[in-house]
C-alpha atoms as a PDB file:
ATOM      1  CA  UNK A   1       1.224 -27.127 -28.397  1.00  0.00           C
ATOM      2  CA  UNK A   2       0.745 -23.651 -27.620  1.00  0.00           C
ATOM      3  CA  UNK A   3       3.106 -21.239 -26.260  1.00  0.00           C
ATOM      4  CA  UNK A   4       2.916 -18.335 -24.046  1.00  0.00           C
ATOM      5  CA  UNK A   5       5.120 -15.576 -25.503  1.00  0.00           C
ATOM      6  CA  UNK A   6       7.134 -13.435 -23.450  1.00  0.00           C
ATOM      7  CA  UNK A   7       5.867  -9.681 -22.861  1.00  0.00           C
ATOM      8  CA  UNK A   8       9.156  -8.488 -24.805  1.00  0.00           C
ATOM      9  CA  UNK A   9       7.951 -10.448 -27.979  1.00  0.00           C
ATOM     10  CA  UNK A  10       6.676  -8.142 -30.668  1.00  0.00           C
ATOM     11  CA  UNK A  11       2.864  -6.824 -29.830  1.00  0.00           C
ATOM     12  CA  UNK A  12       0.102  -6.286 -32.443  1.00  0.00           C
ATOM     13  CA  UNK A  13      -1.351  -3.789 -29.614  1.00  0.00           C
ATOM     14  CA  UNK A  14      -1.824  -3.180 -25.639  1.00  0.00           C
ATOM     15  CA  UNK A  15      -5.547  -3.207 -24.622  1.00  0.00           C
ATOM     16  CA  UNK A  16      -6.464  -1.220 -21.172  1.00  0.00           C
ATOM     17  CA  UNK A  17      -9.960  -0.829 -19.474  1.00  0.00           C
ATOM     18  CA  UNK A  18     -10.976   2.401 -18.025  1.00  0.00           C
ATOM     19  CA  UNK A  19     -11.749   2.824 -14.387  1.00  0.00           C
ATOM     20  CA  UNK A  20     -15.349   1.799 -13.600  1.00  0.00           C
ATOM     21  CA  UNK A  21     -15.662   1.000 -10.187  1.00  0.00           C
ATOM     22  CA  UNK A  22     -16.582   4.170  -8.588  1.00  0.00           C
ATOM     23  CA  UNK A  23     -16.988   2.537  -4.747  1.00  0.00           C
ATOM     24  CA  UNK A  24     -13.671   1.393  -5.091  1.00  0.00           C
ATOM     25  CA  UNK A  25     -11.769   4.447  -6.034  1.00  0.00           C
ATOM     26  CA  UNK A  26     -14.108   6.824  -4.407  1.00  0.00           C
ATOM     27  CA  UNK A  27     -12.505  10.543  -4.041  1.00  0.00           C
ATOM     28  CA  UNK A  28      -9.516   8.914  -6.148  1.00  0.00           C
ATOM     29  CA  UNK A  29     -11.723   8.506  -9.468  1.00  0.00           C
ATOM     30  CA  UNK A  30     -10.398  11.458 -11.351  1.00  0.00           C
ATOM     31  CA  UNK A  31      -6.687  10.584 -10.234  1.00  0.00           C
ATOM     32  CA  UNK A  32      -7.047   7.125 -11.318  1.00  0.00           C
ATOM     33  CA  UNK A  33      -8.387   8.263 -14.816  1.00  0.00           C
ATOM     34  CA  UNK A  34      -5.487  10.659 -14.999  1.00  0.00           C
ATOM     35  CA  UNK A  35      -3.171   7.648 -14.524  1.00  0.00           C
ATOM     36  CA  UNK A  36      -4.798   5.571 -16.490  1.00  0.00           C
ATOM     37  CA  UNK A  37      -4.620   8.138 -19.717  1.00  0.00           C
ATOM     38  CA  UNK A  38      -1.079   8.759 -18.816  1.00  0.00           C
ATOM     39  CA  UNK A  39      -0.051   5.322 -19.369  1.00  0.00           C
ATOM     40  CA  UNK A  40      -2.297   4.562 -22.391  1.00  0.00           C
ATOM     41  CA  UNK A  41      -0.766   7.755 -23.938  1.00  0.00           C
ATOM     42  CA  UNK A  42       2.610   6.774 -23.016  1.00  0.00           C
ATOM     43  CA  UNK A  43       2.197   3.310 -24.660  1.00  0.00           C
ATOM     44  CA  UNK A  44       0.368   4.844 -27.667  1.00  0.00           C
ATOM     45  CA  UNK A  45       3.928   6.402 -28.928  1.00  0.00           C
ATOM     46  CA  UNK A  46       5.150   2.842 -29.424  1.00  0.00           C
ATOM     47  CA  UNK A  47       2.389   0.803 -30.416  1.00  0.00           C
ATOM     48  CA  UNK A  48      -1.595   0.942 -30.750  1.00  0.00           C
ATOM     49  CA  UNK A  49      -3.707   1.096 -27.857  1.00  0.00           C
ATOM     50  CA  UNK A  50      -7.192   0.196 -27.288  1.00  0.00           C
ATOM     51  CA  UNK A  51      -9.175   1.392 -24.284  1.00  0.00           C
ATOM     52  CA  UNK A  52     -12.234  -0.339 -22.982  1.00  0.00           C
ATOM     53  CA  UNK A  53     -14.828   1.443 -21.697  1.00  0.00           C
ATOM     54  CA  UNK A  54     -18.155   1.298 -20.104  1.00  0.00           C
ATOM     55  CA  UNK A  55     -20.847   3.090 -22.135  1.00  0.00           C
ATOM     56  CA  UNK A  56     -21.346   5.763 -19.392  1.00  0.00           C
ATOM     57  CA  UNK A  57     -17.686   6.873 -19.600  1.00  0.00           C
ATOM     58  CA  UNK A  58     -17.017   6.816 -23.084  1.00  0.00           C
ATOM     59  CA  UNK A  59     -16.819  10.553 -23.905  1.00  0.00           C
ATOM     60  CA  UNK A  60     -14.823  11.291 -20.713  1.00  0.00           C
ATOM     61  CA  UNK A  61     -12.190   8.672 -21.706  1.00  0.00           C
ATOM     62  CA  UNK A  62     -11.884   9.874 -24.987  1.00  0.00           C
ATOM     63  CA  UNK A  63     -11.285  13.455 -23.851  1.00  0.00           C
ATOM     64  CA  UNK A  64      -8.790  12.200 -21.228  1.00  0.00           C
ATOM     65  CA  UNK A  65      -6.871  10.044 -23.749  1.00  0.00           C
ATOM     66  CA  UNK A  66      -7.095  11.732 -27.108  1.00  0.00           C
ATOM     67  CA  UNK A  67      -6.983  10.566 -30.450  1.00  0.00           C
ATOM     68  CA  UNK A  68      -4.120   8.431 -29.916  1.00  0.00           C
ATOM     69  CA  UNK A  69      -6.315   5.960 -27.962  1.00  0.00           C
ATOM     70  CA  UNK A  70      -8.836   3.680 -29.577  1.00  0.00           C
ATOM     71  CA  UNK A  71     -12.080   4.065 -27.604  1.00  0.00           C
ATOM     72  CA  UNK A  72     -14.177   0.593 -27.790  1.00  0.00           C
ATOM     73  CA  UNK A  73     -17.490   0.600 -25.484  1.00  0.00           C
ATOM     74  CA  UNK A  74     -17.786  -2.887 -23.530  1.00  0.00           C
ATOM     75  CA  UNK A  75     -19.453  -3.684 -20.314  1.00  0.00           C
ATOM     76  CA  UNK A  76     -16.736  -4.001 -17.493  1.00  0.00           C
ATOM     77  CA  UNK A  77     -16.820  -3.683 -14.028  1.00  0.00           C
ATOM     78  CA  UNK A  78     -13.230  -3.022 -13.232  1.00  0.00           C
ATOM     79  CA  UNK A  79     -10.069  -1.860 -15.060  1.00  0.00           C
ATOM     80  CA  UNK A  80      -7.608  -4.312 -14.296  1.00  0.00           C
ATOM     81  CA  UNK A  81      -7.668  -6.152 -17.632  1.00  0.00           C
ATOM     82  CA  UNK A  82      -4.480  -8.064 -16.940  1.00  0.00           C
ATOM     83  CA  UNK A  83      -6.601 -10.461 -14.621  1.00  0.00           C
ATOM     84  CA  UNK A  84     -10.032 -10.377 -16.574  1.00  0.00           C
ATOM     85  CA  UNK A  85      -8.736 -10.181 -19.885  1.00  0.00           C
ATOM     86  CA  UNK A  86      -7.521 -12.959 -22.488  1.00  0.00           C
ATOM     87  CA  UNK A  87      -3.991 -14.186 -22.186  1.00  0.00           C
ATOM     88  CA  UNK A  88      -2.899 -15.251 -25.773  1.00  0.00           C
ATOM     89  CA  UNK A  89      -1.003 -18.005 -26.885  1.00  0.00           C
ATOM     90  CA  UNK A  90       0.314 -18.794 -30.569  1.00  0.00           C
ATOM     91  CA  UNK A  91       1.067 -22.260 -32.016  1.00  0.00           C
ATOM     92  CA  UNK A  92       3.964 -23.407 -33.843  1.00  0.00           C
ATOM     93  CA  UNK A  93       2.769 -21.587 -36.999  1.00  0.00           C
ATOM     94  CA  UNK A  94       2.545 -18.427 -35.284  1.00  0.00           C
ATOM     95  CA  UNK A  95      -1.615 -18.521 -35.269  1.00  0.00           C
ATOM     96  CA  UNK A  96      -2.658 -16.726 -32.359  1.00  0.00           C
ATOM     97  CA  UNK A  97      -5.478 -18.001 -29.522  1.00  0.00           C
ATOM     98  CA  UNK A  98      -7.266 -16.239 -26.872  1.00  0.00           C
ATOM     99  CA  UNK A  99      -7.291 -18.377 -23.596  1.00  0.00           C
ATOM    100  CA  UNK A 100     -10.323 -17.289 -21.633  1.00  0.00           C
ATOM    101  CA  UNK A 101     -10.099 -18.605 -17.864  1.00  0.00           C
ATOM    102  CA  UNK A 102     -12.480 -18.431 -15.055  1.00  0.00           C
ATOM    103  CA  UNK A 103     -12.538 -14.827 -13.367  1.00  0.00           C
ATOM    104  CA  UNK A 104     -13.948 -14.540  -9.856  1.00  0.00           C
ATOM    105  CA  UNK A 105     -12.864 -11.209  -8.974  1.00  0.00           C
ATOM    106  CA  UNK A 106      -9.794 -12.406  -6.847  1.00  0.00           C
ATOM    107  CA  UNK A 107     -11.970 -14.601  -4.547  1.00  0.00           C
ATOM    108  CA  UNK A 108     -15.377 -12.747  -4.709  1.00  0.00           C
ATOM    109  CA  UNK A 109     -13.756  -9.800  -3.104  1.00  0.00           C
ATOM    110  CA  UNK A 110     -15.360  -7.217  -5.333  1.00  0.00           C
ATOM    111  CA  UNK A 111     -19.057  -7.244  -6.543  1.00  0.00           C
ATOM    112  CA  UNK A 112     -20.525  -7.500  -9.203  1.00  0.00           C
ATOM    113  CA  UNK A 113     -18.021  -8.826 -11.291  1.00  0.00           C
ATOM    114  CA  UNK A 114     -20.012 -10.792 -14.198  1.00  0.00           C
ATOM    115  CA  UNK A 115     -18.931  -8.329 -16.763  1.00  0.00           C
ATOM    116  CA  UNK A 116     -15.345  -8.430 -16.190  1.00  0.00           C
ATOM    117  CA  UNK A 117     -15.914 -12.306 -16.259  1.00  0.00           C
ATOM    118  CA  UNK A 118     -17.093 -11.994 -19.875  1.00  0.00           C
ATOM    119  CA  UNK A 119     -14.740  -9.149 -21.021  1.00  0.00           C
ATOM    120  CA  UNK A 120     -11.948 -11.716 -22.240  1.00  0.00           C
ATOM    121  CA  UNK A 121     -14.336 -13.840 -24.539  1.00  0.00           C
ATOM    122  CA  UNK A 122     -16.172 -10.357 -25.655  1.00  0.00           C
ATOM    123  CA  UNK A 123     -13.056  -8.767 -26.448  1.00  0.00           C
ATOM    124  CA  UNK A 124     -11.379 -11.408 -28.256  1.00  0.00           C
ATOM    125  CA  UNK A 125     -14.403 -12.240 -30.715  1.00  0.00           C
ATOM    126  CA  UNK A 126     -15.107  -8.576 -30.889  1.00  0.00           C
ATOM    127  CA  UNK A 127     -11.641  -8.423 -32.535  1.00  0.00           C
ATOM    128  CA  UNK A 128     -12.432 -11.945 -34.485  1.00  0.00           C
ATOM    129  CA  UNK A 129      -9.636 -13.989 -32.709  1.00  0.00           C
ATOM    130  CA  UNK A 130     -10.145 -17.618 -31.807  1.00  0.00           C
ATOM    131  CA  UNK A 131     -11.013 -18.282 -27.985  1.00  0.00           C
ATOM    132  CA  UNK A 132     -10.622 -21.136 -25.835  1.00  0.00           C
ATOM    133  CA  UNK A 133     -12.099 -21.378 -22.359  1.00  0.00           C
ATOM    134  CA  UNK A 134     -10.558 -22.775 -19.691  1.00  0.00           C
ATOM    135  CA  UNK A 135     -12.494 -24.371 -16.524  1.00  0.00           C
ATOM    136  CA  UNK A 136      -9.951 -22.972 -14.175  1.00  0.00           C
ATOM    137  CA  UNK A 137      -9.995 -19.645 -11.649  1.00  0.00           C
ATOM    138  CA  UNK A 138      -6.762 -17.738 -13.195  1.00  0.00           C
ATOM    139  CA  UNK A 139      -5.791 -14.298 -13.409  1.00  0.00           C
ATOM    140  CA  UNK A 140      -2.768 -12.936 -15.775  1.00  0.00           C
ATOM    141  CA  UNK A 141      -1.078 -10.886 -12.945  1.00  0.00           C
ATOM    142  CA  UNK A 142      -0.295 -14.380 -10.905  1.00  0.00           C
ATOM    143  CA  UNK A 143       2.213 -15.348 -13.485  1.00  0.00           C
ATOM    144  CA  UNK A 144       5.487 -13.958 -15.575  1.00  0.00           C
ATOM    145  CA  UNK A 145       6.907 -15.913 -18.247  1.00  0.00           C
ATOM    146  CA  UNK A 146      10.082 -16.344 -20.525  1.00  0.00           C
ATOM    147  CA  UNK A 147       8.411 -17.410 -23.636  1.00  0.00           C
ATOM    148  CA  UNK A 148      10.202 -20.603 -23.775  1.00  0.00           C
ATOM    149  CA  UNK A 149       8.315 -22.845 -21.197  1.00  0.00           C
ATOM    150  CA  UNK A 150       9.042 -21.523 -17.980  1.00  0.00           C
ATOM    151  CA  UNK A 151       6.345 -19.877 -15.788  1.00  0.00           C
ATOM    152  CA  UNK A 152       6.868 -18.336 -12.189  1.00  0.00           C
ATOM    153  CA  UNK A 153       4.089 -17.789  -9.898  1.00  0.00           C
ATOM    154  CA  UNK A 154       3.769 -17.442  -6.026  1.00  0.00           C
ATOM    155  CA  UNK A 155       2.206 -20.529  -3.778  1.00  0.00           C
ATOM    156  CA  UNK A 156       0.190 -17.863  -1.694  1.00  0.00           C
ATOM    157  CA  UNK A 157      -1.997 -17.105  -5.033  1.00  0.00           C
ATOM    158  CA  UNK A 158      -2.590 -20.090  -7.036  1.00  0.00           C
ATOM    159  CA  UNK A 159      -3.119 -22.382  -4.055  1.00  0.00           C
ATOM    160  CA  UNK A 160      -5.316 -19.878  -2.402  1.00  0.00           C
ATOM    161  CA  UNK A 161      -8.524 -21.641  -1.277  1.00  0.00           C
ATOM    162  CA  UNK A 162     -10.502 -19.014  -3.106  1.00  0.00           C
ATOM    163  CA  UNK A 163      -9.485 -19.739  -6.373  1.00  0.00           C
ATOM    164  CA  UNK A 164      -9.342 -23.468  -6.921  1.00  0.00           C
ATOM    165  CA  UNK A 165      -9.461 -25.327  -3.604  1.00  0.00           C
ATOM    166  CA  UNK A 166     -10.135 -28.911  -4.786  1.00  0.00           C
ATOM    167  CA  UNK A 167      -7.170 -28.789  -7.239  1.00  0.00           C
ATOM    168  CA  UNK A 168      -3.539 -29.824  -6.293  1.00  0.00           C
ATOM    169  CA  UNK A 169      -0.301 -28.158  -7.441  1.00  0.00           C
ATOM    170  CA  UNK A 170       0.158 -30.964  -9.551  1.00  0.00           C
ATOM    171  CA  UNK A 171      -2.913 -30.657 -11.239  1.00  0.00           C
ATOM    172  CA  UNK A 172      -2.569 -26.728 -11.565  1.00  0.00           C
ATOM    173  CA  UNK A 173       0.634 -27.544 -13.120  1.00  0.00           C
ATOM    174  CA  UNK A 174      -0.589 -29.918 -15.867  1.00  0.00           C
ATOM    175  CA  UNK A 175      -3.072 -27.282 -16.958  1.00  0.00           C
ATOM    176  CA  UNK A 176      -0.213 -24.611 -17.168  1.00  0.00           C
ATOM    177  CA  UNK A 177       1.864 -27.010 -19.454  1.00  0.00           C
ATOM    178  CA  UNK A 178      -1.282 -28.081 -21.794  1.00  0.00           C
ATOM    179  CA  UNK A 179      -2.737 -24.405 -22.053  1.00  0.00           C
ATOM    180  CA  UNK A 180       0.284 -22.198 -21.885  1.00  0.00           C
ATOM    181  CA  UNK A 181       2.892 -24.376 -22.905  1.00  0.00           C
ATOM    182  CA  UNK A 182       4.826 -24.056 -19.550  1.00  0.00           C
ATOM    183  CA  UNK A 183       6.796 -27.538 -18.627  1.00  0.00           C
ATOM    184  CA  UNK A 184       8.586 -25.564 -16.009  1.00  0.00           C
ATOM    185  CA  UNK A 185       6.534 -24.011 -12.987  1.00  0.00           C
ATOM    186  CA  UNK A 186       8.733 -21.932 -10.174  1.00  0.00           C
ATOM    187  CA  UNK A 187       6.512 -21.786  -7.117  1.00  0.00           C
ATOM    188  CA  UNK A 188       7.833 -18.496  -5.340  1.00  0.00           C
ATOM    189  CA  UNK A 189       6.498 -18.566  -1.586  1.00  0.00           C
ATOM    190  CA  UNK A 190       5.056 -15.186  -1.365  1.00  0.00           C
ATOM    191  CA  UNK A 191       3.580 -12.000  -2.757  1.00  0.00           C
ATOM    192  CA  UNK A 192       3.643  -8.718  -0.898  1.00  0.00           C
ATOM    193  CA  UNK A 193       2.515  -8.444   2.975  1.00  0.00           C
ATOM    194  CA  UNK A 194       0.121  -5.559   1.622  1.00  0.00           C
ATOM    195  CA  UNK A 195      -1.283  -7.388  -1.453  1.00  0.00           C
ATOM    196  CA  UNK A 196      -4.570  -8.412   0.099  1.00  0.00           C
ATOM    197  CA  UNK A 197      -6.496  -7.816  -2.946  1.00  0.00           C
ATOM    198  CA  UNK A 198      -5.057 -10.344  -5.341  1.00  0.00           C
ATOM    199  CA  UNK A 199      -3.620 -12.678  -2.622  1.00  0.00           C
ATOM    200  CA  UNK A 200       0.090 -12.067  -3.770  1.00  0.00           C
ATOM    201  CA  UNK A 201       0.176 -11.750  -7.482  1.00  0.00           C
ATOM    202  CA  UNK A 202       3.987 -12.267  -8.870  1.00  0.00           C
ATOM    203  CA  UNK A 203       3.517  -9.290 -11.358  1.00  0.00           C
ATOM    204  CA  UNK A 204       4.297  -7.419  -7.915  1.00  0.00           C
ATOM    205  CA  UNK A 205       7.648  -8.890  -7.226  1.00  0.00           C
ATOM    206  CA  UNK A 206       9.071 -10.760 -10.386  1.00  0.00           C
ATOM    207  CA  UNK A 207       9.453 -10.319 -13.921  1.00  0.00           C
ATOM    208  CA  UNK A 208      11.714 -12.451 -16.732  1.00  0.00           C
ATOM    209  CA  UNK A 209      13.844 -10.163 -18.497  1.00  0.00           C
ATOM    210  CA  UNK A 210      15.352 -12.598 -20.721  1.00  0.00           C
ATOM    211  CA  UNK A 211      15.015 -16.370 -20.892  1.00  0.00           C
ATOM    212  CA  UNK A 212      17.315 -17.475 -18.009  1.00  0.00           C
ATOM    213  CA  UNK A 213      17.108 -14.112 -16.267  1.00  0.00           C
ATOM    214  CA  UNK A 214      14.490 -13.269 -13.381  1.00  0.00           C
ATOM    215  CA  UNK A 215      14.349  -9.620 -11.784  1.00  0.00           C
ATOM    216  CA  UNK A 216      12.842  -9.807  -8.229  1.00  0.00           C
ATOM    217  CA  UNK A 217      11.793  -6.858  -6.037  1.00  0.00           C
ATOM    218  CA  UNK A 218      13.573  -7.032  -2.624  1.00  0.00           C
ATOM    219  CA  UNK A 219      13.068  -4.982   0.451  1.00  0.00           C
ATOM    220  CA  UNK A 220      16.186  -3.448   2.186  1.00  0.00           C
ATOM    221  CA  UNK A 221      14.032  -2.634   5.403  1.00  0.00           C
ATOM    222  CA  UNK A 222      14.356  -5.733   8.033  1.00  0.00           C
ATOM    223  CA  UNK A 223      11.292  -4.051   9.909  1.00  0.00           C
ATOM    224  CA  UNK A 224       8.877  -4.420   7.170  1.00  0.00           C
ATOM    225  CA  UNK A 225       7.186  -8.030   6.854  1.00  0.00           C
ATOM    226  CA  UNK A 226       8.323  -7.768   3.107  1.00  0.00           C
ATOM    227  CA  UNK A 227      12.282  -8.474   4.056  1.00  0.00           C
ATOM    228  CA  UNK A 228      11.499 -11.786   4.880  1.00  0.00           C
ATOM    229  CA  UNK A 229       9.090 -12.748   2.353  1.00  0.00           C
ATOM    230  CA  UNK A 230      11.011 -11.360  -0.452  1.00  0.00           C
ATOM    231  CA  UNK A 231      14.158 -12.731   0.882  1.00  0.00           C
ATOM    232  CA  UNK A 232      12.724 -16.238   1.049  1.00  0.00           C
ATOM    233  CA  UNK A 233      11.408 -15.588  -2.655  1.00  0.00           C
ATOM    234  CA  UNK A 234      14.709 -14.842  -3.741  1.00  0.00           C
ATOM    235  CA  UNK A 235      16.508 -17.943  -2.054  1.00  0.00           C
ATOM    236  CA  UNK A 236      13.832 -19.909  -3.930  1.00  0.00           C
ATOM    237  CA  UNK A 237      14.361 -18.527  -7.228  1.00  0.00           C
ATOM    238  CA  UNK A 238      18.383 -18.368  -7.031  1.00  0.00           C
ATOM    239  CA  UNK A 239      18.212 -22.283  -6.898  1.00  0.00           C
ATOM    240  CA  UNK A 240      15.646 -23.016  -9.446  1.00  0.00           C
ATOM    241  CA  UNK A 241      16.024 -24.166 -12.920  1.00  0.00           C
ATOM    242  CA  UNK A 242      14.402 -23.124 -16.095  1.00  0.00           C
ATOM    243  CA  UNK A 243      12.444 -25.281 -18.680  1.00  0.00           C
ATOM    244  CA  UNK A 244      15.568 -25.557 -20.436  1.00  0.00           C
ATOM    245  CA  UNK A 245      17.719 -26.699 -17.440  1.00  0.00           C
ATOM    246  CA  UNK A 246      19.456 -23.535 -16.641  1.00  0.00           C
ATOM    247  CA  UNK A 247      20.015 -22.241 -13.138  1.00  0.00           C
ATOM    248  CA  UNK A 248      18.180 -18.775 -13.102  1.00  0.00           C
ATOM    249  CA  UNK A 249      20.123 -15.667 -13.181  1.00  0.00           C
ATOM    250  CA  UNK A 250      18.285 -13.656 -10.400  1.00  0.00           C
ATOM    251  CA  UNK A 251      18.736  -9.614 -10.493  1.00  0.00           C
ATOM    252  CA  UNK A 252      17.105  -7.824  -7.665  1.00  0.00           C
ATOM    253  CA  UNK A 253      15.837  -4.462  -7.396  1.00  0.00           C
ATOM    254  CA  UNK A 254      16.689  -3.814  -3.593  1.00  0.00           C
ATOM    255  CA  UNK A 255      14.537  -0.992  -2.489  1.00  0.00           C
ATOM    256  CA  UNK A 256      10.564  -1.331  -1.798  1.00  0.00           C
ATOM    257  CA  UNK A 257       8.839   2.166  -1.803  1.00  0.00           C
ATOM    258  CA  UNK A 258       5.790   2.549   0.221  1.00  0.00           C
ATOM    259  CA  UNK A 259       3.849   5.745   0.042  1.00  0.00           C
ATOM    260  CA  UNK A 260       0.544   7.190   2.122  1.00  0.00           C
ATOM    261  CA  UNK A 261      -2.731   7.983  -0.332  1.00  0.00           C
ATOM    262  CA  UNK A 262      -5.851   9.143   1.284  1.00  0.00           C
ATOM    263  CA  UNK A 263      -4.325   8.048   4.540  1.00  0.00           C
ATOM    264  CA  UNK A 264      -3.656   4.482   3.543  1.00  0.00           C
ATOM    265  CA  UNK A 265      -0.529   2.931   3.555  1.00  0.00           C
ATOM    266  CA  UNK A 266       0.420   1.318   0.052  1.00  0.00           C
ATOM    267  CA  UNK A 267       3.132  -0.458  -1.554  1.00  0.00           C
ATOM    268  CA  UNK A 268       4.335   0.727  -4.759  1.00  0.00           C
ATOM    269  CA  UNK A 269       6.660  -2.154  -6.162  1.00  0.00           C
ATOM    270  CA  UNK A 270       9.070  -1.223  -9.341  1.00  0.00           C
ATOM    271  CA  UNK A 271       8.283  -4.649 -10.562  1.00  0.00           C
ATOM    272  CA  UNK A 272       4.875  -3.932 -11.826  1.00  0.00           C
ATOM    273  CA  UNK A 273       6.189  -2.465 -14.995  1.00  0.00           C
ATOM    274  CA  UNK A 274       4.913  -3.082 -18.455  1.00  0.00           C
ATOM    275  CA  UNK A 275       7.492  -4.017 -21.475  1.00  0.00           C
ATOM    276  CA  UNK A 276       6.437  -3.424 -24.931  1.00  0.00           C
ATOM    277  CA  UNK A 277       7.325  -2.615 -28.392  1.00  0.00           C
ATOM    278  CA  UNK A 278      10.544  -0.710 -27.981  1.00  0.00           C
ATOM    279  CA  UNK A 279       9.788   0.395 -24.307  1.00  0.00           C
ATOM    280  CA  UNK A 280       9.558  -0.315 -20.428  1.00  0.00           C
ATOM    281  CA  UNK A 281       7.193   1.535 -18.502  1.00  0.00           C
ATOM    282  CA  UNK A 282       7.927   1.537 -14.596  1.00  0.00           C
ATOM    283  CA  UNK A 283       5.687   2.925 -11.758  1.00  0.00           C
ATOM    284  CA  UNK A 284       7.350   5.545  -9.830  1.00  0.00           C
ATOM    285  CA  UNK A 285       5.981   7.285  -6.452  1.00  0.00           C
ATOM    286  CA  UNK A 286       8.688  10.200  -5.662  1.00  0.00           C
ATOM    287  CA  UNK A 287      10.848   8.097  -3.824  1.00  0.00           C
ATOM    288  CA  UNK A 288      14.515   8.749  -3.277  1.00  0.00           C
ATOM    289  CA  UNK A 289      15.613   5.592  -4.714  1.00  0.00           C
ATOM    290  CA  UNK A 290      13.665   5.975  -8.007  1.00  0.00           C
ATOM    291  CA  UNK A 291      16.780   6.981 -10.360  1.00  0.00           C
ATOM    292  CA  UNK A 292      18.909   4.116  -8.898  1.00  0.00           C
ATOM    293  CA  UNK A 293      16.197   1.320  -8.654  1.00  0.00           C
ATOM    294  CA  UNK A 294      14.887   2.218 -12.641  1.00  0.00           C
ATOM    295  CA  UNK A 295      18.513   2.256 -13.834  1.00  0.00           C
ATOM    296  CA  UNK A 296      18.494  -1.798 -12.549  1.00  0.00           C
ATOM    297  CA  UNK A 297      15.579  -1.964 -14.648  1.00  0.00           C
ATOM    298  CA  UNK A 298      16.724  -0.396 -17.818  1.00  0.00           C
ATOM    299  CA  UNK A 299      20.202  -2.197 -17.604  1.00  0.00           C
ATOM    300  CA  UNK A 300      17.894  -5.363 -17.994  1.00  0.00           C
ATOM    301  CA  UNK A 301      16.153  -3.988 -21.271  1.00  0.00           C
ATOM    302  CA  UNK A 302      18.965  -2.824 -23.792  1.00  0.00           C
ATOM    303  CA  UNK A 303      17.718  -1.156 -26.971  1.00  0.00           C
ATOM    304  CA  UNK A 304      14.337   0.200 -25.204  1.00  0.00           C
ATOM    305  CA  UNK A 305      13.423   3.388 -23.957  1.00  0.00           C
ATOM    306  CA  UNK A 306      12.818   3.157 -20.216  1.00  0.00           C
ATOM    307  CA  UNK A 307      10.063   5.323 -18.873  1.00  0.00           C
ATOM    308  CA  UNK A 308       8.948   6.218 -15.549  1.00  0.00           C
ATOM    309  CA  UNK A 309       5.414   7.514 -14.531  1.00  0.00           C
ATOM    310  CA  UNK A 310       4.432   8.850 -11.436  1.00  0.00           C
ATOM    311  CA  UNK A 311       1.347   7.061 -10.962  1.00  0.00           C
ATOM    312  CA  UNK A 312       2.559   4.051  -8.485  1.00  0.00           C
ATOM    313  CA  UNK A 313       0.788   5.450  -5.604  1.00  0.00           C
ATOM    314  CA  UNK A 314      -2.484   5.940  -6.987  1.00  0.00           C
ATOM    315  CA  UNK A 315      -2.657   2.986  -8.961  1.00  0.00           C
ATOM    316  CA  UNK A 316      -1.516   0.822  -5.808  1.00  0.00           C
ATOM    317  CA  UNK A 317      -4.353   2.536  -3.865  1.00  0.00           C
ATOM    318  CA  UNK A 318      -6.713   0.830  -6.224  1.00  0.00           C
ATOM    319  CA  UNK A 319      -5.018  -2.639  -5.556  1.00  0.00           C
ATOM    320  CA  UNK A 320      -2.168  -2.549  -8.691  1.00  0.00           C
ATOM    321  CA  UNK A 321       0.155  -0.793 -10.504  1.00  0.00           C
ATOM    322  CA  UNK A 322       1.079  -0.089 -14.352  1.00  0.00           C
ATOM    323  CA  UNK A 323       1.201  -4.233 -15.147  1.00  0.00           C
ATOM    324  CA  UNK A 324      -2.078  -4.598 -13.843  1.00  0.00           C
ATOM    325  CA  UNK A 325      -3.957  -2.547 -15.983  1.00  0.00           C
ATOM    326  CA  UNK A 326      -2.260  -3.346 -19.423  1.00  0.00           C
ATOM    327  CA  UNK A 327      -2.510  -6.749 -21.377  1.00  0.00           C
ATOM    328  CA  UNK A 328      -0.632  -7.362 -24.651  1.00  0.00           C
ATOM    329  CA  UNK A 329      -1.822  -9.008 -27.926  1.00  0.00           C
ATOM    330  CA  UNK A 330       1.194 -10.503 -29.382  1.00  0.00           C
ATOM    331  CA  UNK A 331       1.817 -10.099 -33.170  1.00  0.00           C
ATOM    332  CA  UNK A 332       0.546 -13.038 -34.746  1.00  0.00           C
END
């Protein structure tokens, strides 16, 4: 059976996409490009980075990122490769396979999306990776895993009628078992209240730091809708068992920052961070609690350098964060 490696396991590389949807970013396009370049260059200090770029933007992307980031021309609609890219699994012999799931732009919210729907298979084929296509709408940002058969998701997202309206929870769990080697799925009820774009992706609120240890985003302001939502998630997680029968050890990052970007209020969760070869990159937005909250995360990843990038507000205005714009290719 195939296994979905944990994010902290060795990477061959990280893949990103350059911002492409002008009508979504609007006046923030230049800021979004700077943010993507900062993330790419920070990762490139630790592992190879490939940037997929629409042909019209290749020169601009190369100039922004510099020689340390590989540029690859590929038709794309948007830059959220965590969701449109392949999810890599490995078999018992360590052979790598790219799983290619149906992508419908989070319930057809952003049009067109045909290029993004084809991006996973196109990238994998470009690299010579074997590909398996799966007939289920699914995004990488909707799950976090421990590499040992436990997957955490949100009911709000995977059971949303704009994804797979005819599928039951049992049927979804069966496919996750078959394709990701996940016999245990922990269903948290909610994502973030302001996460309208992805309908509550789990990578805004939860991440495994080790088998049996789950970090959760909290909210310390009872006036925010997320105070109740994340409190319920915490109680569900604290009572859950993983695939090996262990009670989950839940670590909370208690402060949830908000920011205003171009007149819009956005939420900037610390949990939308990315773990790679020797590093953890955490999004921040200048909140007074940044230092303390990042320290909580850093404690869970001993031996890795923790990097903060003040790109959280800009990426949140586009609908995501650092984890959303990255996708790991595990070492084979």
